[in-house]
Amino acid sequence: MNLRNAFSKSSNRRSGGPPPERARPRTSCGAASQLRTSRGAAFQLRTNCDAALPLRTSCGAAFQLRTNCGAGFQPAHSRRFQAREPLPHVQRVIVLVLLLFSLAAPTVQAETDQAKVDRLFVMASASGIRYTDMVKPAKDSLAAMGETAAIGLTHKLNATDARERLTLADIYAKIGAVAVPHLIPYLDSAGEYMPKNAARCLSRIADTSATLALIPKLNHDLYSVRSEVATALGKIADPRAIDALIERLADESDSDVRKSCVVALGRMGHSRAVPSLLYCLGDPFFGVRQSALIALTKIYPPPVTDLLATLHRSTGVARYGAIVALGNTGDERARGFLLNMLDSDEPLIRGFSIEGLLNDSTVTTRDQIVSLKGTETDPFVRAQIRRWESLRK
C-alpha cells in the first residue's frame, strides 16, 4: 500500500463518509465534472452555462471557478487561497484589443537626415544593371537636400572605391557652391584620399570661392594631391591661380603634375602662360608635350610670333611641336610658313608640317601636298600624306 492510499483511507475513517466519487463530466447544460489531484483537493469550475467542475485535493480543499458574469476563482475549504475578482467582460475585451494592437503595430521612428543621406548614397553609388534605374533619382534627391547633404556626405571623402569617388563628385557638382565651405577644411586632412577627393569635388563645382584655398595645396607632399589640385584650378579657371600654376610647373619633378598644370593653363587661355607652355614643348614626357601643344591653340590671340621664334631657335621635339601648334592656330602667316617647310631636307620637318596642315583644305595646300606625294619616299611623310587625304574623303 502506498502512502497516498493510506492517507486517503485514514481520512475517510475519521470523517465517517464514503470515499470521494470519481470525476464526473458535466455538459454545458449544467453537467458537473470532478477531478482529483495528488492531494485530493476538490475544485469546481463553472462555465457560462453554469456548468461546474469540482476538483478535490487529498486534503479536501474545494475551489470554484466561475467565468460567467464576473464569478471568480474561490476556495471552498482552504485558507491558502483568496478570491480574485477579474475585470468586467467589456474591460477585458478592451485590454486584449490594446495588447494585440501594441504587439502588431510596427515601431515608427523618424529617419534622421544623416540616415537618409547614407541610404541615398548607397543607392546612388550602386553598381550593376538592375540598380541602374535608382542611381540618378538618388543623386537628384541628395542634390535637392542641398547643404544638409553637403554636410552629411563629408565623411565619405575618405572613400577609396572609384565608383564612390565619382558618385561623390557628381553629387557635389549638383549641390553647387553652397557645398564649398564644407569641403575646403578637408583639403588639410592627412593622407591621400580625403584631400584628393575634396579637390575633385571642388573642381566639379568650379566656384571661384575655392581658389584661394586650393592654391597652397599645389605644394602638397603627395604628387596625386598636387595633380588633383592643379586640375581643380584649371576647371575653376580663376586668373588668380595662373602665377601659382606657372611656378608649380617650373619646379615640378613629377610628369603627371606637370601635365595637369599645362592642361589647367590651357583651360584658362591666358597669354601669360605662353612662355611656360612653349618650354613644355620640349618636355621629356610625351603627355606633357602633347598637352602643351593643345594648350597653345587655346590661347587668344594665337601666339604665332612666339611659336615662330621657338621654331627657329629650338631643335628636336620642341621644334616639331612648335610646327604642329603653329598649324593648329589657323593663322594665315602660319599656313605660308608650313607650306615652305614642305621643301625641307629633313623628313620629320616635312611630316610634321603636313600634320600642321591637316585642317587646311585650300587649293594651294592641296596642290603642294599632291605634288609632294609623287616624289616622297620617306615612310613617315607618306603616312602623313595619307592621313591628310583620308580627312578629305
Protein backbone atom coordinates (compact mmCIF):
# COMPACT_ATOMS: atom_id res chain seq x y z
CA MET A 1 0.00 0.00 0.00
CA ASN A 2 1.41 3.31 -0.95
CA LEU A 3 1.29 6.49 1.12
CA ARG A 4 -1.46 8.13 -0.94
CA ASN A 5 -3.93 5.26 -0.44
CA ALA A 6 -3.10 5.06 3.24
CA PHE A 7 -3.64 8.78 3.70
CA SER A 8 -6.93 8.60 1.79
CA LYS A 9 -8.31 5.67 3.81
CA SER A 10 -7.37 7.25 7.13
CA SER A 11 -9.13 10.45 6.13
CA ASN A 12 -12.27 8.54 5.20
CA ARG A 13 -12.31 6.72 8.56
CA ARG A 14 -12.02 9.99 10.51
CA SER A 15 -14.75 11.69 8.51
CA GLY A 16 -17.01 8.63 8.55
CA GLY A 17 -18.06 9.27 4.98
CA PRO A 18 -17.67 7.22 1.84
CA PRO A 19 -14.67 7.69 -0.41
CA PRO A 20 -14.95 10.55 -2.95
CA GLU A 21 -16.52 9.72 -6.27
CA ARG A 22 -14.58 9.59 -9.50
CA ALA A 23 -14.60 12.65 -11.78
CA ARG A 24 -17.96 13.01 -13.45
CA PRO A 25 -18.09 15.30 -16.51
CA ARG A 26 -20.94 17.77 -16.74
CA THR A 27 -22.06 19.22 -20.07
CA SER A 28 -22.68 22.87 -20.91
CA CYS A 29 -26.27 22.37 -19.82
CA GLY A 30 -25.21 22.07 -16.20
CA ALA A 31 -23.39 18.74 -16.02
CA ALA A 32 -20.59 18.63 -13.46
CA SER A 33 -17.16 17.05 -13.58
CA GLN A 34 -14.94 16.24 -10.65
CA LEU A 35 -11.15 15.99 -10.92
CA ARG A 36 -8.84 14.68 -8.22
CA THR A 37 -5.31 16.00 -7.70
CA SER A 38 -2.48 14.22 -5.95
CA ARG A 39 -3.69 15.54 -2.61
CA GLY A 40 -7.38 15.12 -3.28
CA ALA A 41 -8.34 18.83 -3.26
CA ALA A 42 -11.65 19.44 -4.96
CA PHE A 43 -12.14 22.34 -7.34
CA GLN A 44 -15.31 23.47 -9.06
CA LEU A 45 -15.24 25.11 -12.48
CA ARG A 46 -18.33 26.92 -13.70
CA THR A 47 -18.74 27.91 -17.35
CA ASN A 48 -21.05 30.49 -18.89
CA CYS A 49 -23.82 27.89 -18.87
CA ASP A 50 -23.43 27.32 -15.14
CA ALA A 51 -21.58 24.03 -15.69
CA ALA A 52 -19.46 23.21 -12.65
CA LEU A 53 -16.27 21.23 -12.50
CA PRO A 54 -15.44 20.22 -8.89
CA LEU A 55 -11.82 19.49 -8.16
CA ARG A 56 -10.79 17.81 -4.93
CA THR A 57 -7.36 17.53 -3.36
CA SER A 58 -6.21 14.95 -0.83
CA CYS A 59 -6.74 17.43 1.99
CA GLY A 60 -10.31 18.12 0.93
CA ALA A 61 -9.90 21.77 -0.16
CA ALA A 62 -12.55 22.75 -2.67
CA PHE A 63 -12.29 25.58 -5.23
CA GLN A 64 -14.87 27.01 -7.60
CA LEU A 65 -14.04 28.96 -10.78
CA ARG A 66 -16.82 30.88 -12.47
CA THR A 67 -16.44 32.76 -15.72
CA ASN A 68 -20.00 33.95 -16.22
CA CYS A 69 -20.94 37.46 -15.08
CA GLY A 70 -17.74 38.05 -13.16
CA ALA A 71 -17.70 34.95 -10.90
CA GLY A 72 -14.23 34.30 -9.56
CA PHE A 73 -11.87 31.50 -8.60
CA GLN A 74 -12.86 30.94 -4.96
CA PRO A 75 -11.58 28.49 -2.35
CA ALA A 76 -14.31 26.50 -0.53
CA HIS A 77 -12.49 24.87 2.39
CA SER A 78 -8.90 26.19 2.34
CA ARG A 79 -7.35 29.33 3.82
CA ARG A 80 -4.37 29.07 1.47
CA PHE A 81 -6.19 30.78 -1.44
CA GLN A 82 -8.07 34.04 -1.66
CA ALA A 83 -10.68 35.02 -4.25
CA ARG A 84 -9.73 37.48 -7.03
CA GLU A 85 -12.33 39.49 -8.89
CA PRO A 86 -11.42 39.74 -12.63
CA LEU A 87 -12.09 42.75 -14.82
CA PRO A 88 -15.57 43.08 -16.29
CA HIS A 89 -16.07 41.46 -19.68
CA VAL A 90 -16.02 44.74 -21.66
CA GLN A 91 -12.84 45.88 -19.97
CA ARG A 92 -11.15 42.57 -20.68
CA VAL A 93 -12.02 42.91 -24.34
CA ILE A 94 -10.61 46.46 -24.49
CA VAL A 95 -7.38 45.43 -22.76
CA LEU A 96 -7.00 42.48 -25.10
CA VAL A 97 -7.52 44.65 -28.19
CA LEU A 98 -4.98 47.22 -26.98
CA LEU A 99 -2.48 44.49 -26.20
CA LEU A 100 -2.84 42.92 -29.64
CA PHE A 101 -2.56 46.30 -31.32
CA SER A 102 0.62 47.17 -29.42
CA LEU A 103 2.18 43.88 -30.44
CA ALA A 104 1.13 44.05 -34.08
CA ALA A 105 1.75 47.75 -34.78
CA PRO A 106 5.25 48.48 -36.21
CA THR A 107 7.57 50.79 -34.38
CA VAL A 108 7.59 54.08 -36.28
CA GLN A 109 10.74 56.16 -35.90
CA ALA A 110 11.56 59.28 -37.83
CA GLU A 111 14.54 58.88 -40.18
CA THR A 112 17.33 61.28 -39.36
CA ASP A 113 18.91 63.45 -42.06
CA GLN A 114 22.20 61.59 -41.77
CA ALA A 115 20.48 58.22 -42.12
CA LYS A 116 18.66 59.47 -45.20
CA VAL A 117 21.89 60.78 -46.74
CA ASP A 118 23.65 57.46 -46.11
CA ARG A 119 20.75 55.46 -47.53
CA LEU A 120 20.54 57.56 -50.68
CA PHE A 121 24.31 57.45 -51.20
CA VAL A 122 24.26 53.65 -51.13
CA MET A 123 21.64 53.74 -53.87
CA ALA A 124 23.48 56.44 -55.85
CA SER A 125 26.75 54.50 -55.85
CA ALA A 126 25.18 51.11 -56.53
CA SER A 127 26.70 49.01 -59.28
CA GLY A 128 25.02 46.50 -61.53
CA ILE A 129 22.47 46.81 -64.30
CA ARG A 130 19.49 46.04 -62.07
CA TYR A 131 20.27 49.08 -59.90
CA THR A 132 20.72 51.50 -62.80
CA ASP A 133 17.22 52.96 -62.52
CA MET A 134 17.75 54.05 -58.91
CA VAL A 135 21.15 55.76 -59.34
CA LYS A 136 20.07 59.04 -60.95
CA PRO A 137 16.97 59.55 -58.74
CA ALA A 138 19.12 59.00 -55.65
CA LYS A 139 21.67 61.57 -56.85
CA ASP A 140 18.90 64.05 -57.60
CA SER A 141 17.36 63.51 -54.16
CA LEU A 142 20.69 64.20 -52.47
CA ALA A 143 21.20 67.30 -54.58
CA ALA A 144 17.74 68.51 -53.56
CA MET A 145 18.76 68.24 -49.90
CA GLY A 146 21.36 70.93 -50.57
CA GLU A 147 23.56 71.91 -47.66
CA THR A 148 22.22 69.07 -45.50
CA ALA A 149 23.58 66.52 -47.98
CA ALA A 150 26.81 68.51 -48.41
CA ILE A 151 27.49 68.18 -44.70
CA GLY A 152 26.30 64.59 -44.44
CA LEU A 153 28.50 63.37 -47.27
CA THR A 154 31.78 64.78 -45.97
CA HIS A 155 32.54 61.58 -44.05
CA LYS A 156 32.54 59.81 -47.43
CA LEU A 157 35.51 61.87 -48.64
CA ASN A 158 37.89 59.17 -47.45
CA ALA A 159 36.41 56.74 -50.00
CA THR A 160 38.92 54.72 -51.99
CA ASP A 161 36.45 53.00 -54.29
CA ALA A 162 36.44 54.57 -57.75
CA ARG A 163 32.65 54.39 -58.12
CA GLU A 164 32.03 56.05 -54.75
CA ARG A 165 34.54 58.81 -55.52
CA LEU A 166 32.92 59.51 -58.87
CA THR A 167 29.47 59.47 -57.25
CA LEU A 168 30.61 61.99 -54.64
CA ALA A 169 31.89 64.34 -57.33
CA ASP A 170 28.64 64.04 -59.30
CA ILE A 171 26.50 64.82 -56.27
CA TYR A 172 28.58 67.79 -55.12
CA ALA A 173 28.50 69.17 -58.65
CA LYS A 174 24.71 69.11 -58.46
CA ILE A 175 24.65 70.67 -54.99
CA GLY A 176 26.78 73.60 -56.17
CA ALA A 177 28.55 76.47 -54.46
CA VAL A 178 26.74 76.00 -51.14
CA ALA A 179 28.93 72.94 -50.54
CA VAL A 180 32.27 74.75 -50.98
CA PRO A 181 32.69 75.93 -47.35
CA HIS A 182 32.10 72.37 -46.13
CA LEU A 183 34.68 70.85 -48.49
CA ILE A 184 37.55 73.31 -48.01
CA PRO A 185 38.51 72.12 -44.48
CA TYR A 186 39.14 68.61 -45.82
CA LEU A 187 41.94 69.86 -48.06
CA ASP A 188 44.07 69.90 -44.92
CA SER A 189 43.24 66.32 -43.96
CA ALA A 190 46.00 63.77 -43.51
CA GLY A 191 46.52 61.03 -46.02
CA GLU A 192 45.84 60.93 -49.73
CA TYR A 193 42.19 60.27 -50.48
CA MET A 194 40.39 62.82 -48.36
CA PRO A 195 42.21 65.94 -49.69
CA LYS A 196 42.24 64.49 -53.21
CA ASN A 197 38.51 63.74 -53.17
CA ALA A 198 37.78 67.18 -51.72
CA ALA A 199 39.78 68.81 -54.53
CA ARG A 200 37.96 66.72 -57.13
CA CYS A 201 34.58 67.74 -55.76
CA LEU A 202 35.63 71.39 -55.74
CA SER A 203 36.75 71.08 -59.35
CA ARG A 204 33.33 69.76 -60.33
CA ILE A 205 31.61 72.61 -58.53
CA ALA A 206 34.01 75.05 -60.27
CA ASP A 207 33.30 78.00 -58.00
CA THR A 208 35.94 80.72 -57.61
CA SER A 209 35.38 80.88 -53.84
CA ALA A 210 37.61 77.79 -53.56
CA THR A 211 40.58 79.27 -55.46
CA LEU A 212 42.50 80.78 -52.56
CA ALA A 213 42.10 77.61 -50.51
CA LEU A 214 43.35 75.41 -53.36
CA ILE A 215 46.45 77.40 -54.36
CA PRO A 216 48.58 76.49 -51.29
CA LYS A 217 47.82 72.81 -51.89
CA LEU A 218 49.87 72.91 -55.09
CA ASN A 219 52.79 72.33 -52.72
CA HIS A 220 51.29 69.24 -51.07
CA ASP A 221 53.70 66.43 -50.25
CA LEU A 222 51.78 63.88 -52.34
CA TYR A 223 52.01 64.23 -56.12
CA SER A 224 48.50 62.82 -56.60
CA VAL A 225 47.04 65.59 -54.46
CA ARG A 226 49.07 68.25 -56.30
CA SER A 227 47.82 66.91 -59.62
CA GLU A 228 44.18 66.94 -58.48
CA VAL A 229 44.52 70.47 -57.12
CA ALA A 230 46.02 71.70 -60.41
CA THR A 231 43.13 70.10 -62.29
CA ALA A 232 40.64 71.79 -59.98
CA LEU A 233 42.23 75.19 -60.50
CA GLY A 234 42.10 74.68 -64.25
CA LYS A 235 38.39 73.86 -64.20
CA ILE A 236 37.63 76.80 -61.95
CA ALA A 237 39.67 78.95 -64.37
CA ASP A 238 40.26 81.76 -61.91
CA PRO A 239 43.08 84.06 -63.22
CA ARG A 240 44.36 84.42 -59.66
CA ALA A 241 45.79 80.89 -59.94
CA ILE A 242 47.85 81.46 -63.13
CA ASP A 243 51.07 82.54 -61.44
CA ALA A 244 50.88 79.72 -58.90
CA LEU A 245 50.41 77.15 -61.69
CA ILE A 246 53.32 78.55 -63.69
CA GLU A 247 55.57 78.41 -60.63
CA ARG A 248 54.49 74.85 -59.86
CA LEU A 249 55.12 73.84 -63.48
CA ALA A 250 58.66 75.19 -63.39
CA ASP A 251 59.59 73.37 -60.17
CA GLU A 252 57.64 70.13 -60.57
CA SER A 253 59.52 66.87 -60.96
CA ASP A 254 56.51 64.61 -61.49
CA SER A 255 55.28 64.34 -65.07
CA ASP A 256 51.63 63.83 -64.08
CA VAL A 257 51.60 67.06 -62.10
CA ARG A 258 53.30 68.94 -64.95
CA LYS A 259 50.67 67.67 -67.35
CA SER A 260 47.86 68.76 -65.01
CA CYS A 261 49.39 72.23 -64.73
CA VAL A 262 49.72 72.53 -68.51
CA VAL A 263 46.12 71.46 -69.06
CA ALA A 264 44.96 73.93 -66.41
CA LEU A 265 46.86 76.80 -68.03
CA GLY A 266 45.41 75.86 -71.39
CA ARG A 267 41.88 75.98 -69.96
CA MET A 268 42.49 79.49 -68.71
CA GLY A 269 43.79 80.56 -72.13
CA HIS A 270 45.82 83.49 -70.80
CA SER A 271 48.81 84.83 -72.71
CA ARG A 272 50.89 84.94 -69.51
CA ALA A 273 51.18 81.17 -69.76
CA VAL A 274 52.66 81.14 -73.31
CA PRO A 275 56.39 81.06 -72.37
CA SER A 276 55.86 78.16 -69.96
CA LEU A 277 53.79 76.26 -72.50
CA LEU A 278 56.40 76.78 -75.22
CA TYR A 279 59.04 75.45 -72.89
CA CYS A 280 56.95 72.35 -72.27
CA LEU A 281 57.01 71.54 -75.99
CA GLY A 282 60.43 70.07 -75.26
CA ASP A 283 59.40 68.12 -72.12
CA PRO A 284 60.80 64.58 -71.97
CA PHE A 285 57.32 63.21 -71.25
CA PHE A 286 55.07 62.87 -74.30
CA GLY A 287 51.91 63.60 -72.34
CA VAL A 288 53.27 66.97 -71.24
CA ARG A 289 54.41 67.88 -74.78
CA GLN A 290 51.07 66.95 -76.34
CA SER A 291 49.12 68.81 -73.66
CA ALA A 292 51.27 71.93 -74.21
CA LEU A 293 50.67 71.73 -77.95
CA ILE A 294 46.90 71.64 -77.41
CA ALA A 295 47.03 74.35 -74.75
CA LEU A 296 48.84 76.75 -77.09
CA THR A 297 45.99 76.50 -79.59
CA LYS A 298 43.55 77.70 -76.90
CA ILE A 299 45.43 80.94 -76.28
CA TYR A 300 43.81 84.02 -77.73
CA PRO A 301 45.10 85.83 -79.62
CA PRO A 302 47.14 82.97 -81.14
CA PRO A 303 50.82 83.26 -80.16
CA VAL A 304 52.03 82.98 -83.78
CA THR A 305 55.06 85.21 -83.27
CA ASP A 306 56.19 83.29 -80.20
CA LEU A 307 55.76 79.98 -82.00
CA LEU A 308 57.77 81.15 -84.98
CA ALA A 309 60.54 82.30 -82.68
CA THR A 310 60.51 78.95 -80.87
CA LEU A 311 60.61 77.08 -84.16
CA HIS A 312 63.73 78.91 -85.29
CA ARG A 313 65.68 78.61 -82.04
CA SER A 314 64.62 75.12 -81.00
CA THR A 315 65.61 71.68 -82.12
CA GLY A 316 64.24 68.18 -81.78
CA VAL A 317 60.84 67.55 -80.26
CA ALA A 318 60.32 71.21 -79.25
CA ARG A 319 60.68 72.28 -82.84
CA TYR A 320 58.30 69.61 -84.11
CA GLY A 321 55.74 70.58 -81.52
CA ALA A 322 56.00 74.24 -82.49
CA ILE A 323 55.33 73.32 -86.14
CA VAL A 324 52.14 71.45 -85.31
CA ALA A 325 50.97 74.11 -82.84
CA LEU A 326 51.63 76.79 -85.42
CA GLY A 327 49.44 75.00 -87.95
CA ASN A 328 46.65 74.49 -85.40
CA THR A 329 46.34 78.24 -84.84
CA GLY A 330 44.82 78.60 -88.31
CA ASP A 331 46.67 81.86 -88.83
CA GLU A 332 47.48 82.81 -92.42
CA ARG A 333 51.10 83.53 -91.53
CA ALA A 334 51.40 80.03 -90.11
CA ARG A 335 49.99 78.44 -93.27
CA GLY A 336 52.52 80.15 -95.55
CA PHE A 337 55.40 79.15 -93.29
CA LEU A 338 54.34 75.50 -93.18
CA LEU A 339 53.97 75.29 -96.96
CA ASN A 340 57.56 76.44 -97.26
CA MET A 341 58.62 73.79 -94.75
CA LEU A 342 57.34 71.06 -97.10
CA ASP A 343 60.51 71.59 -99.11
CA SER A 344 62.78 70.93 -96.09
CA ASP A 345 65.52 68.36 -96.37
CA GLU A 346 64.51 66.80 -93.05
CA PRO A 347 61.76 64.19 -93.37
CA LEU A 348 60.49 64.90 -89.84
CA ILE A 349 60.08 68.59 -90.64
CA ARG A 350 58.10 67.73 -93.79
CA GLY A 351 55.98 65.19 -91.95
CA PHE A 352 55.08 67.44 -89.01
CA SER A 353 54.40 70.31 -91.41
CA ILE A 354 51.76 68.14 -93.10
CA GLU A 355 50.30 67.39 -89.67
CA GLY A 356 50.09 71.12 -89.03
CA LEU A 357 48.15 71.47 -92.28
CA LEU A 358 45.59 68.75 -91.57
CA ASN A 359 42.84 71.32 -91.12
CA ASP A 360 43.83 73.31 -94.22
CA SER A 361 41.86 72.42 -97.35
CA THR A 362 42.79 75.37 -99.54
CA VAL A 363 43.68 74.76 -103.17
CA THR A 364 47.27 75.88 -102.66
CA THR A 365 47.82 73.43 -99.82
CA ARG A 366 46.15 70.57 -101.72
CA ASP A 367 48.25 71.09 -104.84
CA GLN A 368 51.51 71.21 -102.92
CA ILE A 369 50.76 68.06 -100.91
CA VAL A 370 49.69 66.16 -104.06
CA SER A 371 52.91 67.24 -105.73
CA LEU A 372 54.94 66.06 -102.75
CA LYS A 373 53.19 62.69 -102.84
CA GLY A 374 54.61 61.94 -106.29
CA THR A 375 58.22 62.34 -105.15
CA GLU A 376 58.18 61.46 -101.44
CA THR A 377 59.97 58.27 -100.38
CA ASP A 378 60.11 58.59 -96.58
CA PRO A 379 57.58 56.27 -94.85
CA PHE A 380 56.67 58.80 -92.14
CA VAL A 381 55.98 61.57 -94.63
CA ARG A 382 53.93 59.27 -96.89
CA ALA A 383 51.88 58.17 -93.87
CA GLN A 384 51.18 61.81 -93.06
CA ILE A 385 50.08 62.43 -96.65
CA ARG A 386 47.64 59.50 -96.49
CA ARG A 387 46.32 60.87 -93.21
CA TRP A 388 45.73 64.28 -94.80
CA GLU A 389 43.94 62.66 -97.76
CA SER A 390 41.73 60.49 -95.53
CA LEU A 391 40.28 63.61 -93.93
CA ARG A 392 39.13 64.86 -97.35
CA LYS A 393 37.18 61.76 -98.34
